[in-house]
Amino acid sequence: MAKRIVVVGSLNVDFVLALDRFPAPGETVPGRDFNLFPGGKGANQAYGAARLGGQVSMVGQVGHDTHATWLKQHLAAGGVDVAHVTADATVTTGVAVIGVEAGGQNRIVVVPGANGTLGTSQLAALPSMLAPGDLLLLQLEVPLETVTAAARLARAAGATIILDPAPALPLGRELLACADYVTPNETELAALTGSPAKTLSREEAATQAAQLRALGAARVIVKLGAAGALLLSAAGEHFWPALPVEAVDTTAAGDAFNAAFACALSTGQSEIEAGRFAVAAAACSVTRRGAQPSMPTRAEVDELLRQRGT
C-alpha cells in the first residue's frame, strides 16, 4: 500500500503576466496575456502529487477573501485532503505576481498574506497524520519556525522529509539535518553555500552539493533546469539528464519534480527510479502554462518516458 504524503506549506493566487521580455528599470513593456491560477509552492506540490495518484493531505492557511474558497476547492477537486487548511480572518490570502518571458523564463514576486501567519499551533494534528515511512514535503514560503517544527514532528514520527529550500534563505544545521532530501535549484544552492549565483556545470553542482552536505544535509538533489538533476549522498553521485521538450513556462517545474519524487517514493520506488520519474514530470510541466494547471498525470509522465525510451 502506498505511503501517505503530507505537505506543510503555502497556498497562493498566481497573477501570471505573459510578455516578450522583462522591462528594464523604469521601462514599460506591453504584455501579451494575463491569467489567474491557483499556486503556492506547498499547494503546487500537494496538487502535483495527487494528480500523479498520491494519497495527499495539505496543511496550510488561507486568508479572508474570495480567493480562499477557490484555492481549497481546486485542491480538493484534484484529490487533496484540505481538512487541515485553516483560515486567518485578519489577512488576505497569499499572492504571487509572475512574469513569464516568451522563452519560458519567469520572475516572481510573492506577498505572503496568510502564509506568513501559519504558526506552529496549526501543526497540532501533524503527528497523527504521519506514520513511519510516510512523506512530508516542506518549502520556505511559510515561517521558518513553522517549517522547522514540522520537520521535528515528522522526524519523531519516522517520516521521510523532503525539503525544498525555496525561496532561497539561509538555513541552520538543525533543519538541514532533519531532512532526508534537500532539493535546491542553482540559485537556492548558491544562497545556502554562499557561492556566486550562476548556471552550474555538473561538476560545480556536485562541489556545492558536497558543501551543503557538510552543513548537515544527508542527501542533496540539485535541480539544474534544462540540464537535469544531480543527487549527492553518502553512497555517491547520480545524474538524471533532462528530457528535451519545448518549454513555454518554467513556473512550478521544481514543484512538479518534488511532487513526483515524493509520489514515486511513496509507492516503493528507489530514489534512482524516483528521480527519473521526477525529471519526466518536470519536463511535462514546462510544456503548459500556470503552476497547478501544468501538473501532469501519471499517464502523461509514463507516456513521455515511453516516447523517450528511458
C-alpha atoms as a PDB file:
ATOM      1  CA  MET A   1       0.000   0.000   0.000  1.00  0.00           C
ATOM      2  CA  ALA A   2       1.286   3.461  -0.896  1.00  0.00           C
ATOM      3  CA  LYS A   3       2.509   5.706   1.882  1.00  0.00           C
ATOM      4  CA  ARG A   4       0.787   8.953   2.741  1.00  0.00           C
ATOM      5  CA  ILE A   5       2.173  12.294   1.547  1.00  0.00           C
ATOM      6  CA  VAL A   6       1.630  15.350   3.757  1.00  0.00           C
ATOM      7  CA  VAL A   7       2.511  18.852   2.598  1.00  0.00           C
ATOM      8  CA  VAL A   8       3.025  21.715   5.038  1.00  0.00           C
ATOM      9  CA  GLY A   9       3.288  24.916   3.041  1.00  0.00           C
ATOM     10  CA  SER A  10       1.815  27.832   1.159  1.00  0.00           C
ATOM     11  CA  LEU A  11      -1.302  28.493  -0.876  1.00  0.00           C
ATOM     12  CA  ASN A  12      -1.211  31.461  -3.269  1.00  0.00           C
ATOM     13  CA  VAL A  13      -3.201  33.045  -6.035  1.00  0.00           C
ATOM     14  CA  ASP A  14      -0.886  33.437  -9.034  1.00  0.00           C
ATOM     15  CA  PHE A  15      -1.320  36.526 -11.239  1.00  0.00           C
ATOM     16  CA  VAL A  16       0.554  35.493 -14.384  1.00  0.00           C
ATOM     17  CA  LEU A  17       1.672  38.002 -16.995  1.00  0.00           C
ATOM     18  CA  ALA A  18       2.971  36.764 -20.367  1.00  0.00           C
ATOM     19  CA  LEU A  19       5.369  39.169 -22.112  1.00  0.00           C
ATOM     20  CA  ASP A  20       8.028  39.116 -24.801  1.00  0.00           C
ATOM     21  CA  ARG A  21      10.757  40.296 -22.440  1.00  0.00           C
ATOM     22  CA  PHE A  22      11.126  41.688 -18.937  1.00  0.00           C
ATOM     23  CA  PRO A  23      11.275  45.502 -18.681  1.00  0.00           C
ATOM     24  CA  ALA A  24      14.440  47.326 -17.737  1.00  0.00           C
ATOM     25  CA  PRO A  25      14.273  49.609 -14.651  1.00  0.00           C
ATOM     26  CA  GLY A  26      11.869  52.471 -15.392  1.00  0.00           C
ATOM     27  CA  GLU A  27      10.676  50.906 -18.641  1.00  0.00           C
ATOM     28  CA  THR A  28       7.122  49.930 -19.584  1.00  0.00           C
ATOM     29  CA  VAL A  29       6.587  46.999 -21.950  1.00  0.00           C
ATOM     30  CA  PRO A  30       3.339  45.568 -23.357  1.00  0.00           C
ATOM     31  CA  GLY A  31       2.075  42.261 -22.074  1.00  0.00           C
ATOM     32  CA  ARG A  32       0.683  39.533 -24.294  1.00  0.00           C
ATOM     33  CA  ASP A  33      -1.651  37.737 -21.898  1.00  0.00           C
ATOM     34  CA  PHE A  34      -2.911  37.622 -18.306  1.00  0.00           C
ATOM     35  CA  ASN A  35      -4.240  34.686 -16.298  1.00  0.00           C
ATOM     36  CA  LEU A  36      -5.223  33.866 -12.730  1.00  0.00           C
ATOM     37  CA  PHE A  37      -4.038  30.450 -11.494  1.00  0.00           C
ATOM     38  CA  PRO A  38      -4.068  28.581  -8.171  1.00  0.00           C
ATOM     39  CA  GLY A  39      -0.497  28.365  -6.848  1.00  0.00           C
ATOM     40  CA  GLY A  40       1.818  28.484  -3.839  1.00  0.00           C
ATOM     41  CA  LYS A  41       4.740  26.087  -3.595  1.00  0.00           C
ATOM     42  CA  GLY A  42       3.051  23.955  -0.942  1.00  0.00           C
ATOM     43  CA  ALA A  43      -0.252  23.719  -2.764  1.00  0.00           C
ATOM     44  CA  ASN A  44       1.523  23.101  -6.080  1.00  0.00           C
ATOM     45  CA  GLN A  45       3.372  20.123  -4.647  1.00  0.00           C
ATOM     46  CA  ALA A  46       0.248  18.767  -2.974  1.00  0.00           C
ATOM     47  CA  TYR A  47      -1.801  19.097  -6.164  1.00  0.00           C
ATOM     48  CA  GLY A  48       1.017  17.663  -8.266  1.00  0.00           C
ATOM     49  CA  ALA A  49       1.410  14.595  -6.061  1.00  0.00           C
ATOM     50  CA  ALA A  50      -2.348  13.979  -6.046  1.00  0.00           C
ATOM     51  CA  ARG A  51      -2.501  14.284  -9.851  1.00  0.00           C
ATOM     52  CA  LEU A  52       0.103  11.523 -10.005  1.00  0.00           C
ATOM     53  CA  GLY A  53      -2.014   9.261  -7.818  1.00  0.00           C
ATOM     54  CA  GLY A  54      -0.602  10.026  -4.391  1.00  0.00           C
ATOM     55  CA  GLN A  55      -2.609   9.984  -1.162  1.00  0.00           C
ATOM     56  CA  VAL A  56      -2.077  13.614  -0.177  1.00  0.00           C
ATOM     57  CA  SER A  57      -3.043  15.893   2.711  1.00  0.00           C
ATOM     58  CA  MET A  58      -2.352  19.637   2.858  1.00  0.00           C
ATOM     59  CA  VAL A  59      -1.575  21.668   5.980  1.00  0.00           C
ATOM     60  CA  GLY A  60      -1.649  25.398   5.272  1.00  0.00           C
ATOM     61  CA  GLN A  61      -3.603  28.613   5.626  1.00  0.00           C
ATOM     62  CA  VAL A  62      -5.672  30.978   3.518  1.00  0.00           C
ATOM     63  CA  GLY A  63      -6.985  34.460   4.258  1.00  0.00           C
ATOM     64  CA  HIS A  64     -10.389  36.064   4.476  1.00  0.00           C
ATOM     65  CA  ASP A  65     -11.327  36.712   0.842  1.00  0.00           C
ATOM     66  CA  THR A  66     -12.931  35.114  -2.192  1.00  0.00           C
ATOM     67  CA  HIS A  67      -9.642  33.513  -3.254  1.00  0.00           C
ATOM     68  CA  ALA A  68      -9.585  31.316  -0.137  1.00  0.00           C
ATOM     69  CA  THR A  69     -12.566  29.146  -1.102  1.00  0.00           C
ATOM     70  CA  TRP A  70     -11.379  28.873  -4.706  1.00  0.00           C
ATOM     71  CA  LEU A  71      -7.925  27.597  -3.707  1.00  0.00           C
ATOM     72  CA  LYS A  72      -9.299  24.989  -1.294  1.00  0.00           C
ATOM     73  CA  GLN A  73     -11.913  23.804  -3.770  1.00  0.00           C
ATOM     74  CA  HIS A  74      -9.322  23.435  -6.506  1.00  0.00           C
ATOM     75  CA  LEU A  75      -7.064  21.308  -4.287  1.00  0.00           C
ATOM     76  CA  ALA A  76      -9.983  19.168  -3.155  1.00  0.00           C
ATOM     77  CA  ALA A  77     -11.130  18.648  -6.743  1.00  0.00           C
ATOM     78  CA  GLY A  78      -7.621  17.400  -7.534  1.00  0.00           C
ATOM     79  CA  GLY A  79      -7.802  14.782  -4.784  1.00  0.00           C
ATOM     80  CA  VAL A  80      -6.049  16.617  -1.939  1.00  0.00           C
ATOM     81  CA  ASP A  81      -7.392  16.371   1.619  1.00  0.00           C
ATOM     82  CA  VAL A  82      -7.813  20.012   2.747  1.00  0.00           C
ATOM     83  CA  ALA A  83      -9.285  19.347   6.192  1.00  0.00           C
ATOM     84  CA  HIS A  84      -6.207  20.924   7.789  1.00  0.00           C
ATOM     85  CA  VAL A  85      -6.133  24.098   5.666  1.00  0.00           C
ATOM     86  CA  THR A  86      -7.159  26.803   8.138  1.00  0.00           C
ATOM     87  CA  ALA A  87      -8.167  30.451   7.623  1.00  0.00           C
ATOM     88  CA  ASP A  88      -6.828  33.672   9.163  1.00  0.00           C
ATOM     89  CA  ALA A  89      -9.581  36.282   9.009  1.00  0.00           C
ATOM     90  CA  THR A  90      -7.148  39.135   9.719  1.00  0.00           C
ATOM     91  CA  VAL A  91      -5.135  38.890   6.487  1.00  0.00           C
ATOM     92  CA  THR A  92      -5.528  38.229   2.772  1.00  0.00           C
ATOM     93  CA  THR A  93      -4.700  35.000   1.000  1.00  0.00           C
ATOM     94  CA  GLY A  94      -1.129  34.828  -0.324  1.00  0.00           C
ATOM     95  CA  VAL A  95      -0.452  36.295  -3.762  1.00  0.00           C
ATOM     96  CA  ALA A  96       2.281  35.783  -6.354  1.00  0.00           C
ATOM     97  CA  VAL A  97       2.801  38.050  -9.366  1.00  0.00           C
ATOM     98  CA  ILE A  98       4.624  36.089 -12.078  1.00  0.00           C
ATOM     99  CA  GLY A  99       6.094  37.443 -15.282  1.00  0.00           C
ATOM    100  CA  VAL A 100       6.830  34.850 -17.971  1.00  0.00           C
ATOM    101  CA  GLU A 101       9.015  35.703 -20.988  1.00  0.00           C
ATOM    102  CA  ALA A 102       8.443  34.251 -24.447  1.00  0.00           C
ATOM    103  CA  GLY A 103      11.192  31.652 -23.872  1.00  0.00           C
ATOM    104  CA  GLY A 104       9.559  30.377 -20.681  1.00  0.00           C
ATOM    105  CA  GLN A 105      11.797  32.020 -18.071  1.00  0.00           C
ATOM    106  CA  ASN A 106       9.968  33.644 -15.141  1.00  0.00           C
ATOM    107  CA  ARG A 107      10.374  36.268 -12.441  1.00  0.00           C
ATOM    108  CA  ILE A 108       8.189  36.102  -9.339  1.00  0.00           C
ATOM    109  CA  VAL A 109       7.168  38.460  -6.528  1.00  0.00           C
ATOM    110  CA  VAL A 110       5.340  36.874  -3.574  1.00  0.00           C
ATOM    111  CA  VAL A 111       3.183  38.600  -0.937  1.00  0.00           C
ATOM    112  CA  PRO A 112       2.830  36.002   1.870  1.00  0.00           C
ATOM    113  CA  GLY A 113      -0.523  37.054   3.342  1.00  0.00           C
ATOM    114  CA  ALA A 114      -1.974  34.174   5.372  1.00  0.00           C
ATOM    115  CA  ASN A 115       1.058  32.022   4.600  1.00  0.00           C
ATOM    116  CA  GLY A 116       3.068  34.369   6.805  1.00  0.00           C
ATOM    117  CA  THR A 117       0.829  33.760   9.815  1.00  0.00           C
ATOM    118  CA  LEU A 118       0.826  29.948   9.614  1.00  0.00           C
ATOM    119  CA  GLY A 119       2.073  29.142  13.115  1.00  0.00           C
ATOM    120  CA  THR A 120       3.162  26.053  14.999  1.00  0.00           C
ATOM    121  CA  SER A 121      -0.308  25.770  16.570  1.00  0.00           C
ATOM    122  CA  GLN A 122      -1.650  24.744  13.162  1.00  0.00           C
ATOM    123  CA  LEU A 123       0.615  21.669  13.300  1.00  0.00           C
ATOM    124  CA  ALA A 124      -1.260  20.066  16.209  1.00  0.00           C
ATOM    125  CA  ALA A 125      -2.696  17.290  14.023  1.00  0.00           C
ATOM    126  CA  LEU A 126       0.546  16.562  12.165  1.00  0.00           C
ATOM    127  CA  PRO A 127       1.809  13.720  14.425  1.00  0.00           C
ATOM    128  CA  SER A 128      -1.455  11.827  13.922  1.00  0.00           C
ATOM    129  CA  MET A 129      -1.237  12.328  10.151  1.00  0.00           C
ATOM    130  CA  LEU A 130       2.190  10.699   9.780  1.00  0.00           C
ATOM    131  CA  ALA A 131       3.310   7.109  10.293  1.00  0.00           C
ATOM    132  CA  PRO A 132       6.758   5.579   9.741  1.00  0.00           C
ATOM    133  CA  GLY A 133       7.589   5.647   6.028  1.00  0.00           C
ATOM    134  CA  ASP A 134       5.115   8.391   5.164  1.00  0.00           C
ATOM    135  CA  LEU A 135       6.467  11.500   3.451  1.00  0.00           C
ATOM    136  CA  LEU A 136       6.458  15.165   4.462  1.00  0.00           C
ATOM    137  CA  LEU A 137       7.062  17.873   1.855  1.00  0.00           C
ATOM    138  CA  LEU A 138       8.303  21.260   3.088  1.00  0.00           C
ATOM    139  CA  GLN A 139       9.183  24.569   1.430  1.00  0.00           C
ATOM    140  CA  LEU A 140      10.074  28.050   2.743  1.00  0.00           C
ATOM    141  CA  GLU A 141       7.014  30.168   1.846  1.00  0.00           C
ATOM    142  CA  VAL A 142       5.683  29.860   5.420  1.00  0.00           C
ATOM    143  CA  PRO A 143       7.546  30.949   8.593  1.00  0.00           C
ATOM    144  CA  LEU A 144      10.849  29.162   9.148  1.00  0.00           C
ATOM    145  CA  GLU A 145       9.854  28.415  12.742  1.00  0.00           C
ATOM    146  CA  THR A 146       6.807  26.514  11.475  1.00  0.00           C
ATOM    147  CA  VAL A 147       8.852  24.616   8.870  1.00  0.00           C
ATOM    148  CA  THR A 148      11.401  23.591  11.495  1.00  0.00           C
ATOM    149  CA  ALA A 149       8.690  22.494  13.940  1.00  0.00           C
ATOM    150  CA  ALA A 150       7.034  20.403  11.222  1.00  0.00           C
ATOM    151  CA  ALA A 151      10.369  18.755  10.423  1.00  0.00           C
ATOM    152  CA  ARG A 152      10.895  17.881  14.085  1.00  0.00           C
ATOM    153  CA  LEU A 153       7.433  16.328  14.367  1.00  0.00           C
ATOM    154  CA  ALA A 154       7.911  14.347  11.158  1.00  0.00           C
ATOM    155  CA  ARG A 155      11.322  13.098  12.277  1.00  0.00           C
ATOM    156  CA  ALA A 156       9.791  11.898  15.567  1.00  0.00           C
ATOM    157  CA  ALA A 157       7.045  10.106  13.592  1.00  0.00           C
ATOM    158  CA  GLY A 158       9.581   8.294  11.393  1.00  0.00           C
ATOM    159  CA  ALA A 159       8.514  10.030   8.187  1.00  0.00           C
ATOM    160  CA  THR A 160      10.754  10.799   5.207  1.00  0.00           C
ATOM    161  CA  ILE A 161      11.277  14.565   4.874  1.00  0.00           C
ATOM    162  CA  ILE A 162      11.815  16.305   1.527  1.00  0.00           C
ATOM    163  CA  LEU A 163      12.832  19.955   1.973  1.00  0.00           C
ATOM    164  CA  ASP A 164      12.580  22.331  -0.970  1.00  0.00           C
ATOM    165  CA  PRO A 165      14.643  25.354   0.205  1.00  0.00           C
ATOM    166  CA  ALA A 166      12.646  27.838  -1.850  1.00  0.00           C
ATOM    167  CA  PRO A 167      12.563  30.764  -1.862  1.00  0.00           C
ATOM    168  CA  ALA A 168      16.284  30.937  -1.098  1.00  0.00           C
ATOM    169  CA  LEU A 169      17.029  31.627   2.575  1.00  0.00           C
ATOM    170  CA  PRO A 170      19.988  30.918   4.864  1.00  0.00           C
ATOM    171  CA  LEU A 171      19.204  27.765   6.845  1.00  0.00           C
ATOM    172  CA  GLY A 172      20.584  26.415  10.105  1.00  0.00           C
ATOM    173  CA  ARG A 173      22.112  22.996  10.578  1.00  0.00           C
ATOM    174  CA  GLU A 174      19.097  21.663  12.503  1.00  0.00           C
ATOM    175  CA  LEU A 175      16.630  21.934   9.630  1.00  0.00           C
ATOM    176  CA  LEU A 176      19.137  20.688   7.049  1.00  0.00           C
ATOM    177  CA  ALA A 177      19.981  17.700   9.239  1.00  0.00           C
ATOM    178  CA  CYS A 178      16.295  16.886   9.803  1.00  0.00           C
ATOM    179  CA  ALA A 179      15.645  16.499   6.082  1.00  0.00           C
ATOM    180  CA  ASP A 180      16.243  13.233   4.252  1.00  0.00           C
ATOM    181  CA  TYR A 181      16.429  15.120   0.948  1.00  0.00           C
ATOM    182  CA  VAL A 182      17.229  18.802   0.335  1.00  0.00           C
ATOM    183  CA  THR A 183      16.306  19.830  -3.218  1.00  0.00           C
ATOM    184  CA  PRO A 184      17.666  23.269  -4.201  1.00  0.00           C
ATOM    185  CA  ASN A 185      17.882  24.725  -7.668  1.00  0.00           C
ATOM    186  CA  GLU A 186      21.055  26.552  -8.705  1.00  0.00           C
ATOM    187  CA  THR A 187      20.018  29.883  -7.161  1.00  0.00           C
ATOM    188  CA  GLU A 188      18.987  28.295  -3.875  1.00  0.00           C
ATOM    189  CA  LEU A 189      22.131  26.182  -3.718  1.00  0.00           C
ATOM    190  CA  ALA A 190      24.239  29.315  -4.128  1.00  0.00           C
ATOM    191  CA  ALA A 191      22.371  31.031  -1.277  1.00  0.00           C
ATOM    192  CA  LEU A 192      22.785  28.028   1.009  1.00  0.00           C
ATOM    193  CA  THR A 193      26.512  27.625   0.352  1.00  0.00           C
ATOM    194  CA  GLY A 194      27.477  31.295  -0.014  1.00  0.00           C
ATOM    195  CA  SER A 195      28.553  30.733  -3.626  1.00  0.00           C
ATOM    196  CA  PRO A 196      28.066  33.089  -6.602  1.00  0.00           C
ATOM    197  CA  ALA A 197      24.712  32.562  -8.292  1.00  0.00           C
ATOM    198  CA  LYS A 198      25.214  31.235 -11.821  1.00  0.00           C
ATOM    199  CA  THR A 199      24.427  28.380 -14.161  1.00  0.00           C
ATOM    200  CA  LEU A 200      26.319  25.362 -12.868  1.00  0.00           C
ATOM    201  CA  SER A 201      28.093  22.550 -14.635  1.00  0.00           C
ATOM    202  CA  ARG A 202      27.535  19.065 -13.286  1.00  0.00           C
ATOM    203  CA  GLU A 203      30.941  19.205 -11.574  1.00  0.00           C
ATOM    204  CA  GLU A 204      30.240  22.595  -9.980  1.00  0.00           C
ATOM    205  CA  ALA A 205      26.844  21.377  -8.779  1.00  0.00           C
ATOM    206  CA  ALA A 206      28.484  18.338  -7.163  1.00  0.00           C
ATOM    207  CA  THR A 207      31.044  20.539  -5.414  1.00  0.00           C
ATOM    208  CA  GLN A 208      28.401  22.849  -3.971  1.00  0.00           C
ATOM    209  CA  ALA A 209      26.158  19.908  -3.053  1.00  0.00           C
ATOM    210  CA  ALA A 210      29.090  18.490  -1.069  1.00  0.00           C
ATOM    211  CA  GLN A 211      29.346  21.817   0.754  1.00  0.00           C
ATOM    212  CA  LEU A 212      25.654  21.572   1.621  1.00  0.00           C
ATOM    213  CA  ARG A 213      26.137  18.027   2.881  1.00  0.00           C
ATOM    214  CA  ALA A 214      28.935  19.310   5.096  1.00  0.00           C
ATOM    215  CA  LEU A 215      26.392  21.708   6.624  1.00  0.00           C
ATOM    216  CA  GLY A 216      24.204  18.767   7.661  1.00  0.00           C
ATOM    217  CA  ALA A 217      22.133  17.692   4.636  1.00  0.00           C
ATOM    218  CA  ALA A 218      22.065  13.897   4.234  1.00  0.00           C
ATOM    219  CA  ARG A 219      21.130  13.831   0.538  1.00  0.00           C
ATOM    220  CA  VAL A 220      21.130  16.764  -1.840  1.00  0.00           C
ATOM    221  CA  ILE A 221      19.273  16.822  -5.164  1.00  0.00           C
ATOM    222  CA  VAL A 222      20.297  19.828  -7.264  1.00  0.00           C
ATOM    223  CA  LYS A 223      17.643  20.777  -9.813  1.00  0.00           C
ATOM    224  CA  LEU A 224      19.575  22.010 -12.846  1.00  0.00           C
ATOM    225  CA  GLY A 225      16.660  23.065 -15.049  1.00  0.00           C
ATOM    226  CA  ALA A 226      17.098  22.126 -18.687  1.00  0.00           C
ATOM    227  CA  ALA A 227      20.234  20.109 -17.841  1.00  0.00           C
ATOM    228  CA  GLY A 228      18.550  17.666 -15.446  1.00  0.00           C
ATOM    229  CA  ALA A 229      19.135  16.891 -11.765  1.00  0.00           C
ATOM    230  CA  LEU A 230      22.042  15.666  -9.643  1.00  0.00           C
ATOM    231  CA  LEU A 231      21.874  13.545  -6.483  1.00  0.00           C
ATOM    232  CA  LEU A 232      24.743  13.548  -3.995  1.00  0.00           C
ATOM    233  CA  SER A 233      24.677  11.343  -0.903  1.00  0.00           C
ATOM    234  CA  ALA A 234      26.996   9.231   1.216  1.00  0.00           C
ATOM    235  CA  ALA A 235      26.542   6.495  -1.394  1.00  0.00           C
ATOM    236  CA  GLY A 236      27.945   8.695  -4.169  1.00  0.00           C
ATOM    237  CA  GLU A 237      26.644  10.714  -7.092  1.00  0.00           C
ATOM    238  CA  HIS A 238      23.882  10.102  -9.627  1.00  0.00           C
ATOM    239  CA  PHE A 239      22.813  12.314 -12.533  1.00  0.00           C
ATOM    240  CA  TRP A 240      19.452  12.304 -14.288  1.00  0.00           C
ATOM    241  CA  PRO A 241      19.609  14.090 -17.665  1.00  0.00           C
ATOM    242  CA  ALA A 242      16.634  16.243 -18.593  1.00  0.00           C
ATOM    243  CA  LEU A 243      14.172  15.121 -21.233  1.00  0.00           C
ATOM    244  CA  PRO A 244      14.180  17.660 -24.108  1.00  0.00           C
ATOM    245  CA  VAL A 245      10.822  19.403 -24.566  1.00  0.00           C
ATOM    246  CA  GLU A 246       9.645  22.769 -25.892  1.00  0.00           C
ATOM    247  CA  ALA A 247       9.272  24.905 -22.753  1.00  0.00           C
ATOM    248  CA  VAL A 248       6.565  27.566 -22.624  1.00  0.00           C
ATOM    249  CA  ASP A 249       6.526  28.276 -18.849  1.00  0.00           C
ATOM    250  CA  THR A 250       9.030  27.045 -16.257  1.00  0.00           C
ATOM    251  CA  THR A 251       6.879  28.178 -13.315  1.00  0.00           C
ATOM    252  CA  ALA A 252       6.495  25.331 -10.785  1.00  0.00           C
ATOM    253  CA  ALA A 253       8.761  22.890 -12.639  1.00  0.00           C
ATOM    254  CA  GLY A 254      10.636  22.399  -9.380  1.00  0.00           C
ATOM    255  CA  ASP A 255       7.341  21.749  -7.600  1.00  0.00           C
ATOM    256  CA  ALA A 256       6.425  19.137 -10.211  1.00  0.00           C
ATOM    257  CA  PHE A 257       9.817  17.478  -9.612  1.00  0.00           C
ATOM    258  CA  ASN A 258       9.349  17.312  -5.833  1.00  0.00           C
ATOM    259  CA  ALA A 259       5.764  16.123  -6.107  1.00  0.00           C
ATOM    260  CA  ALA A 260       6.735  13.328  -8.484  1.00  0.00           C
ATOM    261  CA  PHE A 261       9.801  12.342  -6.470  1.00  0.00           C
ATOM    262  CA  ALA A 262       7.674  12.003  -3.324  1.00  0.00           C
ATOM    263  CA  CYS A 263       4.916  10.152  -5.167  1.00  0.00           C
ATOM    264  CA  ALA A 264       7.388   7.631  -6.580  1.00  0.00           C
ATOM    265  CA  LEU A 265       8.979   7.055  -3.177  1.00  0.00           C
ATOM    266  CA  SER A 266       5.517   6.593  -1.646  1.00  0.00           C
ATOM    267  CA  THR A 267       4.907   3.607  -3.940  1.00  0.00           C
ATOM    268  CA  GLY A 268       8.179   1.922  -3.012  1.00  0.00           C
ATOM    269  CA  GLN A 269      10.382   3.021  -5.909  1.00  0.00           C
ATOM    270  CA  SER A 270      14.085   3.552  -5.253  1.00  0.00           C
ATOM    271  CA  GLU A 271      15.469   7.096  -5.163  1.00  0.00           C
ATOM    272  CA  ILE A 272      17.105   6.485  -8.548  1.00  0.00           C
ATOM    273  CA  GLU A 273      13.789   5.425 -10.077  1.00  0.00           C
ATOM    274  CA  ALA A 274      12.035   8.303  -8.306  1.00  0.00           C
ATOM    275  CA  GLY A 275      14.477  10.838  -9.751  1.00  0.00           C
ATOM    276  CA  ARG A 276      13.937   9.512 -13.283  1.00  0.00           C
ATOM    277  CA  PHE A 277      10.170   9.848 -12.810  1.00  0.00           C
ATOM    278  CA  ALA A 278      10.558  13.344 -11.315  1.00  0.00           C
ATOM    279  CA  VAL A 279      12.667  14.630 -14.214  1.00  0.00           C
ATOM    280  CA  ALA A 280       9.974  13.455 -16.624  1.00  0.00           C
ATOM    281  CA  ALA A 281       7.204  15.102 -14.573  1.00  0.00           C
ATOM    282  CA  ALA A 282       9.114  18.398 -14.559  1.00  0.00           C
ATOM    283  CA  ALA A 283       9.579  18.136 -18.329  1.00  0.00           C
ATOM    284  CA  CYS A 284       5.839  17.639 -18.807  1.00  0.00           C
ATOM    285  CA  SER A 285       5.056  20.628 -16.594  1.00  0.00           C
ATOM    286  CA  VAL A 286       7.073  23.193 -18.580  1.00  0.00           C
ATOM    287  CA  THR A 287       5.086  22.491 -21.742  1.00  0.00           C
ATOM    288  CA  ARG A 288       1.981  24.152 -20.203  1.00  0.00           C
ATOM    289  CA  ARG A 289       1.260  27.495 -18.602  1.00  0.00           C
ATOM    290  CA  GLY A 290       0.459  28.054 -14.941  1.00  0.00           C
ATOM    291  CA  ALA A 291       1.525  26.325 -11.758  1.00  0.00           C
ATOM    292  CA  GLN A 292      -1.101  23.790 -10.734  1.00  0.00           C
ATOM    293  CA  PRO A 293      -2.643  23.607 -14.233  1.00  0.00           C
ATOM    294  CA  SER A 294       0.741  22.421 -15.534  1.00  0.00           C
ATOM    295  CA  MET A 295       0.989  19.445 -13.180  1.00  0.00           C
ATOM    296  CA  PRO A 296       0.895  16.210 -15.213  1.00  0.00           C
ATOM    297  CA  THR A 297      -0.947  12.965 -14.608  1.00  0.00           C
ATOM    298  CA  ARG A 298       0.867   9.668 -14.152  1.00  0.00           C
ATOM    299  CA  ALA A 299      -0.273   8.577 -17.610  1.00  0.00           C
ATOM    300  CA  GLU A 300       1.307  11.674 -19.170  1.00  0.00           C
ATOM    301  CA  VAL A 301       4.602  11.127 -17.379  1.00  0.00           C
ATOM    302  CA  ASP A 302       4.671   7.443 -18.291  1.00  0.00           C
ATOM    303  CA  GLU A 303       3.954   8.313 -21.929  1.00  0.00           C
ATOM    304  CA  LEU A 304       6.801  10.832 -22.065  1.00  0.00           C
ATOM    305  CA  LEU A 305       9.194   8.257 -20.611  1.00  0.00           C
ATOM    306  CA  ARG A 306       7.975   5.717 -23.175  1.00  0.00           C
ATOM    307  CA  GLN A 307       8.443   8.168 -26.044  1.00  0.00           C
ATOM    308  CA  ARG A 308      11.980   8.990 -24.918  1.00  0.00           C
ATOM    309  CA  GLY A 309      12.808   5.314 -24.391  1.00  0.00           C
ATOM    310  CA  THR A 310      14.057   5.823 -20.836  1.00  0.00           C
END
